[in-house]
Protein backbone atom coordinates (compact mmCIF):
# COMPACT_ATOMS: atom_id res chain seq x y z
CA MET A 1 -23.12 -13.74 22.41
CA PRO A 2 -20.11 -12.18 20.61
CA VAL A 3 -20.85 -10.05 17.57
CA VAL A 4 -19.80 -11.77 14.34
CA LYS A 5 -18.26 -9.24 11.99
CA ARG A 6 -19.54 -9.35 8.43
CA TYR A 7 -17.08 -9.57 5.59
CA LEU A 8 -16.61 -6.24 3.82
CA PRO A 9 -15.86 -6.84 0.13
CA ARG A 10 -12.32 -6.04 -0.93
CA ILE A 11 -11.12 -4.73 -4.27
CA ALA A 12 -8.68 -7.64 -4.19
CA ASP A 13 -11.60 -10.12 -4.37
CA GLU A 14 -12.15 -9.65 -8.11
CA LEU A 15 -8.43 -9.33 -8.80
CA LEU A 16 -7.75 -12.66 -7.09
CA ALA A 17 -10.58 -14.37 -8.97
CA PHE A 18 -9.23 -13.03 -12.27
CA LYS A 19 -5.65 -14.11 -11.59
CA LEU A 20 -6.82 -17.58 -10.59
CA ARG A 21 -8.49 -17.85 -14.00
CA ALA A 22 -5.25 -16.82 -15.68
CA LYS A 23 -2.46 -18.61 -13.78
CA GLY A 24 -1.80 -21.86 -11.99
CA ALA A 25 -1.08 -20.10 -8.68
CA VAL A 26 -1.39 -16.66 -7.12
CA TRP A 27 0.91 -15.24 -4.44
CA VAL A 28 -0.97 -12.71 -2.29
CA THR A 29 1.40 -10.35 -0.46
CA GLY A 30 0.85 -7.53 2.00
CA PRO A 31 1.37 -6.48 5.60
CA LYS A 32 0.36 -8.77 8.42
CA TRP A 33 -3.27 -8.35 9.51
CA CYS A 34 -4.43 -6.60 6.33
CA GLY A 35 -6.91 -9.38 5.49
CA LYS A 36 -4.96 -11.57 3.04
CA SER A 37 -5.87 -14.90 4.63
CA THR A 38 -9.54 -13.99 5.03
CA THR A 39 -9.83 -12.81 1.44
CA ALA A 40 -7.97 -15.83 0.09
CA ALA A 41 -9.93 -18.32 2.23
CA ARG A 42 -13.21 -17.11 0.70
CA GLN A 43 -12.08 -18.39 -2.70
CA ALA A 44 -10.12 -21.43 -1.55
CA LYS A 45 -11.67 -24.92 -1.56
CA SER A 46 -9.09 -26.31 0.88
CA LYS A 47 -6.35 -24.80 3.03
CA ILE A 48 -3.29 -25.49 5.14
CA PHE A 49 -1.66 -23.11 7.63
CA PHE A 50 2.04 -22.81 8.41
CA GLN A 51 1.73 -20.30 11.24
CA GLY A 52 -0.38 -20.77 14.34
CA GLY A 53 -2.48 -23.70 15.41
CA PRO A 54 -1.55 -27.10 16.86
CA GLU A 55 -0.51 -28.52 13.49
CA GLN A 56 2.02 -25.82 12.63
CA GLU A 57 5.16 -27.89 13.24
CA GLN A 58 3.71 -30.92 11.52
CA ASN A 59 2.77 -28.89 8.46
CA LEU A 60 6.21 -27.29 8.26
CA THR A 61 7.84 -30.72 8.44
CA LEU A 62 5.54 -32.07 5.74
CA ALA A 63 6.33 -29.11 3.50
CA GLU A 64 10.01 -29.94 3.75
CA GLN A 65 9.87 -33.73 3.67
CA LEU A 66 6.71 -34.60 1.76
CA PRO A 67 5.46 -31.55 -0.17
CA SER A 68 3.06 -33.64 -2.27
CA ARG A 69 0.92 -34.19 0.86
CA VAL A 70 0.84 -30.47 1.54
CA LEU A 71 -0.23 -29.67 -2.01
CA ALA A 72 -2.95 -32.33 -2.16
CA GLY A 73 -6.51 -31.08 -1.72
CA ASP A 74 -9.41 -29.43 -3.46
CA THR A 75 -8.41 -26.45 -5.57
CA PRO A 76 -7.79 -23.62 -5.27
CA ARG A 77 -5.74 -24.76 -2.23
CA LEU A 78 -4.62 -22.06 0.20
CA LEU A 79 -1.05 -22.26 1.51
CA ASP A 80 -1.13 -19.64 4.29
CA GLU A 81 2.18 -17.99 5.32
CA TRP A 82 4.01 -20.25 2.87
CA GLN A 83 7.28 -18.32 3.27
CA LEU A 84 7.88 -20.17 6.56
CA ALA A 85 8.50 -23.21 4.35
CA PRO A 86 10.38 -21.51 1.47
CA SER A 87 11.08 -24.77 -0.39
CA LEU A 88 7.35 -24.83 -1.21
CA TRP A 89 7.86 -22.25 -3.94
CA ASP A 90 9.62 -24.68 -6.25
CA SER A 91 7.21 -27.46 -5.27
CA VAL A 92 4.24 -25.30 -6.28
CA ARG A 93 5.89 -24.30 -9.53
CA THR A 94 6.64 -27.94 -10.39
CA GLU A 95 3.12 -29.07 -9.47
CA VAL A 96 1.55 -26.31 -11.57
CA ASP A 97 3.60 -27.50 -14.53
CA ALA A 98 2.58 -31.10 -13.92
CA ARG A 99 -1.13 -30.39 -13.63
CA ASN A 100 -1.17 -27.85 -16.46
CA GLU A 101 -4.33 -26.21 -15.09
CA VAL A 102 -5.13 -22.72 -13.80
CA GLY A 103 -6.42 -21.86 -10.34
CA GLN A 104 -4.55 -24.52 -8.38
CA PHE A 105 -2.98 -22.67 -5.45
CA ILE A 106 -3.21 -19.44 -3.45
CA LEU A 107 -0.09 -18.56 -1.47
CA THR A 108 -0.32 -15.85 1.18
CA GLY A 109 2.57 -14.26 3.01
CA SER A 110 3.19 -11.31 5.33
CA THR A 111 6.89 -11.15 4.50
CA THR A 112 9.10 -11.45 1.48
CA PRO A 113 11.48 -14.34 2.20
CA PRO A 114 14.88 -12.90 3.22
CA LYS A 115 17.73 -13.39 0.78
CA LYS A 116 19.43 -15.83 3.11
CA ASP A 117 16.43 -18.16 2.67
CA GLU A 118 16.40 -17.90 -1.10
CA ASP A 119 17.78 -20.85 -3.00
CA SER A 120 19.82 -19.56 -5.92
CA ARG A 121 18.22 -22.29 -8.04
CA ARG A 122 14.67 -21.18 -7.24
CA HIS A 123 12.62 -20.47 -10.33
CA SER A 124 11.09 -17.00 -10.50
CA GLY A 125 7.63 -18.50 -11.02
CA ILE A 126 7.12 -16.52 -14.20
CA GLY A 127 4.29 -17.93 -16.26
CA ARG A 128 3.07 -20.06 -13.36
CA ILE A 129 2.66 -17.89 -10.26
CA ALA A 130 1.01 -14.46 -10.47
CA ARG A 131 1.50 -11.88 -7.74
CA LEU A 132 -1.28 -9.88 -6.09
CA SER A 133 -0.40 -7.11 -3.66
CA MET A 134 -2.93 -6.34 -0.92
CA SER A 135 -2.97 -3.30 1.32
CA THR A 136 -5.06 -2.30 4.27
CA MET A 137 -8.60 -1.18 3.43
CA SER A 138 -9.34 2.00 1.51
CA LEU A 139 -12.01 4.37 2.82
CA PHE A 140 -14.32 2.99 0.14
CA GLU A 141 -13.78 -0.60 1.31
CA SER A 142 -14.29 0.32 4.97
CA GLU A 143 -17.54 2.08 3.96
CA ASP A 144 -16.24 5.49 5.01
CA SER A 145 -16.46 6.85 1.43
CA THR A 146 -19.70 7.57 -0.41
CA GLY A 147 -18.18 6.33 -3.68
CA GLU A 148 -19.99 9.04 -5.65
CA VAL A 149 -16.96 9.72 -7.86
CA SER A 150 -15.42 6.88 -9.84
CA LEU A 151 -11.73 7.05 -10.67
CA LYS A 152 -12.38 4.81 -13.67
CA GLU A 153 -14.93 7.28 -15.01
CA LEU A 154 -12.47 10.16 -14.67
CA PHE A 155 -10.34 8.26 -17.17
CA SER A 156 -13.10 7.14 -19.50
CA VAL A 157 -15.91 9.69 -19.27
CA PRO A 158 -14.57 13.23 -18.88
CA GLY A 159 -17.24 15.68 -17.85
CA GLN A 160 -19.06 17.03 -14.84
CA ILE A 161 -18.97 15.16 -11.53
CA ALA A 162 -21.04 15.56 -8.39
CA GLY A 163 -20.73 14.44 -4.81
CA GLU A 164 -20.90 15.73 -1.28
CA CYS A 165 -18.51 14.75 1.49
CA LYS A 166 -19.78 15.27 5.01
CA VAL A 167 -16.69 13.76 6.64
CA SER A 168 -15.17 16.33 8.99
CA LEU A 169 -11.48 17.07 9.45
CA GLU A 170 -11.72 15.41 12.87
CA GLU A 171 -13.01 12.24 11.22
CA TYR A 172 -10.22 12.25 8.64
CA ALA A 173 -7.71 12.59 11.48
CA TYR A 174 -9.33 9.57 13.10
CA PHE A 175 -9.21 7.58 9.82
CA ILE A 176 -5.49 8.33 9.49
CA CYS A 177 -4.68 7.14 13.02
CA ARG A 178 -7.08 4.17 12.93
CA GLY A 179 -5.81 2.99 9.58
CA GLY A 180 -7.47 0.53 7.26
CA TRP A 181 -6.95 -2.58 9.41
CA PRO A 182 -10.00 -4.84 9.04
CA GLY A 183 -9.80 -5.84 12.69
CA ALA A 184 -10.07 -2.22 13.82
CA LEU A 185 -13.48 -1.72 12.23
CA GLY A 186 -16.68 -2.04 14.22
CA MET A 187 -14.97 -1.20 17.52
CA GLY A 188 -15.27 1.76 19.83
CA ARG A 189 -13.07 4.73 19.01
CA ARG A 190 -10.43 4.10 21.68
CA GLU A 191 -10.31 0.39 20.99
CA SER A 192 -9.92 0.88 17.23
CA LEU A 193 -7.09 3.38 17.71
CA GLU A 194 -5.31 0.91 19.98
CA GLN A 195 -4.95 -1.62 17.15
CA ALA A 196 -2.29 0.32 15.23
CA ILE A 197 -0.41 0.99 18.48
CA ASP A 198 -0.34 -2.73 19.29
CA TYR A 199 0.66 -3.49 15.71
CA PHE A 200 3.61 -1.10 15.97
CA ASP A 201 4.74 -2.50 19.33
CA ASN A 202 4.74 -6.04 17.94
CA LEU A 203 6.59 -4.83 14.84
CA ILE A 204 9.53 -3.34 16.73
CA ASN A 205 9.69 -5.95 19.50
CA VAL A 206 9.13 -9.14 17.50
CA ASP A 207 8.77 -8.95 13.73
CA ALA A 208 11.80 -6.73 13.02
CA SER A 209 14.07 -9.45 14.43
CA ARG A 210 12.04 -12.50 13.49
CA TYR A 211 12.06 -11.48 9.83
CA ASP A 212 15.60 -12.74 9.18
CA GLY A 213 16.74 -13.95 12.59
CA VAL A 214 18.94 -10.90 13.20
CA SER A 215 18.45 -9.43 16.67
CA ARG A 216 17.57 -5.74 16.46
CA SER A 217 17.11 -3.27 19.29
CA PRO A 218 13.43 -2.25 19.53
CA ASP A 219 14.53 1.26 20.49
CA ARG A 220 16.71 1.57 17.41
CA VAL A 221 13.96 0.23 15.15
CA ARG A 222 11.51 2.68 16.73
CA THR A 223 13.92 5.56 16.14
CA PHE A 224 14.39 4.58 12.50
CA LEU A 225 10.64 4.40 11.90
CA GLN A 226 10.06 7.72 13.67
CA SER A 227 12.54 9.37 11.33
CA TYR A 228 10.96 7.69 8.34
CA ALA A 229 7.58 8.97 9.55
CA ARG A 230 8.83 12.54 9.91
CA LEU A 231 10.19 12.32 6.37
CA SER A 232 7.02 10.79 4.89
CA THR A 233 6.07 12.13 1.44
CA THR A 234 9.62 13.44 0.85
CA GLN A 235 12.38 12.17 -1.44
CA GLY A 236 16.00 11.46 -0.68
CA ASP A 237 18.54 8.81 0.23
CA TYR A 238 19.45 7.32 3.60
CA THR A 239 21.50 10.42 4.45
CA ALA A 240 18.35 12.35 5.31
CA ILE A 241 17.14 9.59 7.66
CA LYS A 242 20.57 9.39 9.29
CA ARG A 243 20.64 13.15 9.85
CA ASP A 244 17.08 13.19 11.23
CA MET A 245 17.84 10.37 13.67
CA SER A 246 20.84 12.27 14.94
CA GLU A 247 19.06 15.62 15.24
CA HIS A 248 15.85 14.38 16.87
CA GLU A 249 16.92 11.32 18.83
CA GLY A 250 20.68 11.70 19.26
CA VAL A 251 21.19 8.31 17.62
CA SER A 252 23.90 7.65 15.08
CA LEU A 253 23.69 4.54 12.91
CA SER A 254 25.89 3.47 10.02
CA ASP A 255 24.63 3.69 6.47
CA GLU A 256 24.75 -0.11 6.33
CA THR A 257 22.51 -0.46 9.41
CA ILE A 258 20.00 2.07 8.14
CA ALA A 259 19.91 0.29 4.78
CA SER A 260 19.26 -3.02 6.54
CA TYR A 261 16.39 -1.51 8.56
CA ALA A 262 14.89 -0.10 5.36
CA SER A 263 15.19 -3.50 3.67
CA VAL A 264 13.45 -5.26 6.58
CA MET A 265 10.56 -2.78 6.56
CA ARG A 266 10.07 -3.28 2.83
CA GLY A 267 10.21 -7.04 3.31
CA LEU A 268 7.51 -6.82 6.01
CA PHE A 269 5.42 -4.55 3.73
CA ILE A 270 5.53 -1.78 6.33
CA THR A 271 6.96 0.84 3.98
CA SER A 272 6.05 1.20 0.33
CA GLU A 273 7.91 3.87 -1.61
CA LEU A 274 6.35 5.67 -4.54
CA ASP A 275 8.56 5.48 -7.62
CA ALA A 276 9.30 8.53 -9.73
CA TRP A 277 7.35 9.06 -12.95
CA ASN A 278 9.41 9.63 -16.09
CA PRO A 279 7.32 11.55 -18.64
CA ILE A 280 8.58 12.89 -21.96
CA LEU A 281 8.98 16.61 -21.30
CA LEU A 282 9.66 19.59 -23.51
CA LYS A 283 12.76 20.25 -21.39
CA LYS A 284 15.20 17.39 -20.82
CA ASP A 285 17.11 16.11 -17.80
CA ILE A 286 15.18 17.95 -15.11
CA ILE A 287 13.36 15.03 -13.47
CA ARG A 288 14.19 13.94 -9.94
CA LYS A 289 14.44 10.15 -9.82
CA SER A 290 14.29 9.49 -6.06
CA PRO A 291 11.20 7.63 -4.75
CA THR A 292 8.82 9.22 -2.25
CA ARG A 293 8.68 7.73 1.23
CA HIS A 294 5.35 6.28 2.34
CA PHE A 295 4.10 3.77 4.87
CA THR A 296 1.74 1.09 3.62
CA ASP A 297 -0.77 2.56 6.06
CA PRO A 298 -0.43 6.02 7.68
CA SER A 299 -1.55 4.65 11.05
CA ILE A 300 1.88 3.00 11.43
CA ALA A 301 3.56 6.39 11.05
CA CYS A 302 1.26 7.95 13.65
CA ALA A 303 1.81 5.05 16.06
CA SER A 304 5.58 5.39 15.68
CA LEU A 305 5.39 9.07 16.67
CA GLY A 306 2.85 8.48 19.42
CA ILE A 307 0.32 10.91 17.94
CA GLY A 308 -3.46 10.66 17.76
CA PRO A 309 -6.28 12.46 15.97
CA GLU A 310 -6.21 15.48 18.29
CA ASP A 311 -2.49 15.95 17.63
CA LEU A 312 -3.13 16.08 13.89
CA ILE A 313 -5.89 18.66 14.31
CA ASN A 314 -3.45 20.78 16.32
CA ASP A 315 -0.66 20.44 13.74
CA PHE A 316 -1.92 21.01 10.20
CA HIS A 317 1.55 20.49 8.74
CA ALA A 318 1.64 16.91 10.05
CA PHE A 319 -2.03 16.51 9.15
CA GLY A 320 -1.29 17.42 5.54
CA ILE A 321 1.62 14.97 5.31
CA PHE A 322 -0.34 12.00 6.63
CA PHE A 323 -3.50 12.90 4.71
CA GLU A 324 -1.38 12.70 1.56
CA SER A 325 -0.24 9.22 2.61
CA LEU A 326 -3.87 8.24 3.24
CA ALA A 327 -4.84 9.45 -0.24
CA VAL A 328 -1.89 7.69 -1.89
CA ARG A 329 -2.86 4.45 -0.13
CA ASP A 330 -6.39 4.63 -1.53
CA LEU A 331 -5.30 5.69 -5.02
CA ARG A 332 -2.91 2.75 -5.18
CA ILE A 333 -5.70 0.35 -4.22
CA PHE A 334 -8.05 1.87 -6.79
CA ALA A 335 -5.38 1.85 -9.51
CA SER A 336 -4.77 -1.87 -8.93
CA ALA A 337 -8.39 -2.51 -9.95
CA MET A 338 -7.69 -0.74 -13.25
CA ASP A 339 -4.44 -2.54 -14.10
CA GLY A 340 -2.51 0.58 -13.18
CA ASN A 341 0.05 1.91 -10.75
CA VAL A 342 0.81 5.15 -8.95
CA CYS A 343 4.01 7.21 -9.19
CA HIS A 344 5.04 10.73 -8.23
CA PHE A 345 6.70 13.55 -10.16
CA ARG A 346 9.16 16.23 -9.12
CA ASP A 347 11.69 18.24 -11.11
CA ARG A 348 14.72 20.27 -10.13
CA TYR A 349 12.68 23.48 -10.20
CA GLY A 350 10.20 22.30 -7.58
CA ASN A 351 7.37 21.44 -9.93
CA GLU A 352 5.68 18.35 -8.54
CA THR A 353 2.54 16.29 -8.35
CA ASP A 354 1.78 13.99 -5.47
CA ALA A 355 0.41 11.12 -7.54
CA VAL A 356 0.44 10.06 -11.17
CA ILE A 357 -2.04 7.28 -11.86
CA HIS A 358 -0.69 5.43 -14.88
CA LEU A 359 -2.63 2.67 -16.64
CA ARG A 360 -1.17 -0.07 -18.80
CA ASN A 361 -2.80 1.37 -21.93
CA GLY A 362 -0.66 4.50 -21.58
CA THR A 363 -3.33 6.82 -20.22
CA TYR A 364 -2.63 8.70 -17.00
CA GLY A 365 -4.06 11.24 -14.61
CA LEU A 366 -2.27 13.82 -12.46
CA VAL A 367 -3.32 14.30 -8.84
CA GLU A 368 -2.43 16.83 -6.15
CA VAL A 369 -3.48 16.16 -2.54
CA LYS A 370 -4.50 19.18 -0.48
CA LEU A 371 -6.30 19.91 2.77
CA THR A 372 -9.46 21.86 2.12
CA SER A 373 -9.12 25.59 1.52
CA LYS A 374 -9.70 27.66 -1.59
CA ARG A 375 -6.07 28.75 -1.63
CA ASN A 376 -4.76 25.18 -1.35
CA ILE A 377 -7.09 23.96 -4.09
CA ASP A 378 -6.13 26.86 -6.37
CA GLU A 379 -2.43 26.15 -5.78
CA GLY A 380 -2.92 22.48 -6.52
CA ALA A 381 -4.83 23.20 -9.73
CA GLU A 382 -2.19 25.64 -10.97
CA SER A 383 0.57 23.13 -10.25
CA LEU A 384 -1.24 20.41 -12.20
CA LYS A 385 -1.83 22.67 -15.19
CA ARG A 386 1.81 23.76 -15.18
CA ILE A 387 3.08 20.17 -15.25
CA ALA A 388 0.59 19.21 -17.99
CA SER A 389 1.93 22.08 -20.10
CA MET A 390 5.50 20.76 -19.74
CA ILE A 391 4.72 17.45 -21.46
CA ASP A 392 5.77 17.07 -25.09
CA PRO A 393 2.42 16.59 -26.93
CA MET A 394 4.20 15.29 -30.05
CA ARG A 395 5.64 12.31 -28.19
CA MET A 396 3.25 11.63 -25.32
CA LYS A 397 -0.47 11.66 -24.65
CA SER A 398 -1.95 14.51 -22.67
CA PRO A 399 -3.25 13.56 -19.21
CA SER A 400 -6.74 12.09 -19.14
CA PHE A 401 -7.60 14.31 -16.20
CA LEU A 402 -6.20 16.65 -13.57
CA ALA A 403 -7.60 16.37 -10.06
CA VAL A 404 -7.10 17.89 -6.65
CA VAL A 405 -7.98 15.32 -3.98
CA THR A 406 -9.00 17.08 -0.81
CA THR A 407 -10.78 16.51 2.49
CA THR A 408 -14.34 17.71 2.85
CA GLY A 409 -16.83 19.65 0.74
CA TYR A 410 -18.20 18.99 -2.73
CA ALA A 411 -16.90 17.11 -5.77
CA TYR A 412 -17.04 19.25 -8.91
CA ARG A 413 -15.24 20.26 -12.06
CA ARG A 414 -13.71 23.73 -12.10
CA PRO A 415 -14.10 26.04 -15.13
CA ASP A 416 -10.44 25.31 -16.02
CA GLY A 417 -11.25 21.59 -16.23
CA VAL A 418 -9.50 20.52 -13.02
CA TYR A 419 -11.55 18.17 -10.85
CA VAL A 420 -11.89 18.73 -7.11
CA VAL A 421 -12.69 15.47 -5.33
CA PRO A 422 -12.97 14.82 -1.59
CA LEU A 423 -11.18 11.57 -0.75
CA ALA A 424 -14.27 10.25 1.03
CA CYS A 425 -16.23 10.51 -2.25
CA LEU A 426 -13.87 8.31 -4.27
CA LYS A 427 -14.17 4.73 -5.46
CA PRO A 428 -12.31 2.72 -8.13
């Protein structure tokens, strides 16, 4: 008998339930295979699928010709991969207005509809359709974190913390390459690592062209993503990617082509840049505004470069880059549960912090991500304190906390007030 996998609760579960109580419809976005449909189906009372299955073509035709039939059913009604029938957006918006009730529809989609499919008359959905962004699973959701340290409590209850992380560097390297794909959990080590590799192969061979119907060379897409991976956690425009592709792969693409590749990867939720934070500083005009490059899940970056856990252990520079991406992924997921977002900060003098967790109420915390070593942790703590001292206290709140997120060891508060927290001890 095959083993039936149990459902591991997602942070998005409560967020979806809340948004359904607040709006007529919720659009759940995120990369393919991250668990959107499974999570949405658990709260839906009826569903219809527009991708896969024997009724796919019939459902797509109905969506175009007779949308009222598609929208009829017990609520919340799940419209899975709705973007394949883009006219449904206006139909949902109109039906929400007509019913004047919350919790009517859940729309899931693994792509943002390309601009060529957008009707200029389409309503934005404001006031009717809420948006919920899902990612792959955090270490807490995949049960690889002890959850002994709560990010929420760092904001609300400053004081001592305690926790012990027994996850080894080898295990972190495995987590990075395995990724947070729900389907990769509960498998043998080799089998779980193969999932991100298969995902990447399908991305460059199928999805990159299927997205908007423009044929793209898999080799060129691979080269672009390899350059993006090498430049992960850095800032800059397309010039840096163009130069890296030329230096490492001998490939020269136009700025327009590179921009189109970048747009496709954002539309498929493969890449997810970290916007720059704009605090009120004592010194003016020194903030760098460029976003930081990140993949939605670091396993995609590793698959693009053909590297595995052993390669990361043998190259601590690469390990540090992709561990930062792993930490940013989890912090973003946790921040979403607190009505917050994550940014980064860098100024022209090289002062920077890897993550700024900013909540809607104006409170924020500064985070540096470091591989475990006393020197790295000390450097991270000094950097955080330096940035905190640059903020104008007359015009902006002081940070709620400063924290160095690291790999293994203990969670504690240093005498200078900076928290040291292993990633595999964190929870929302």
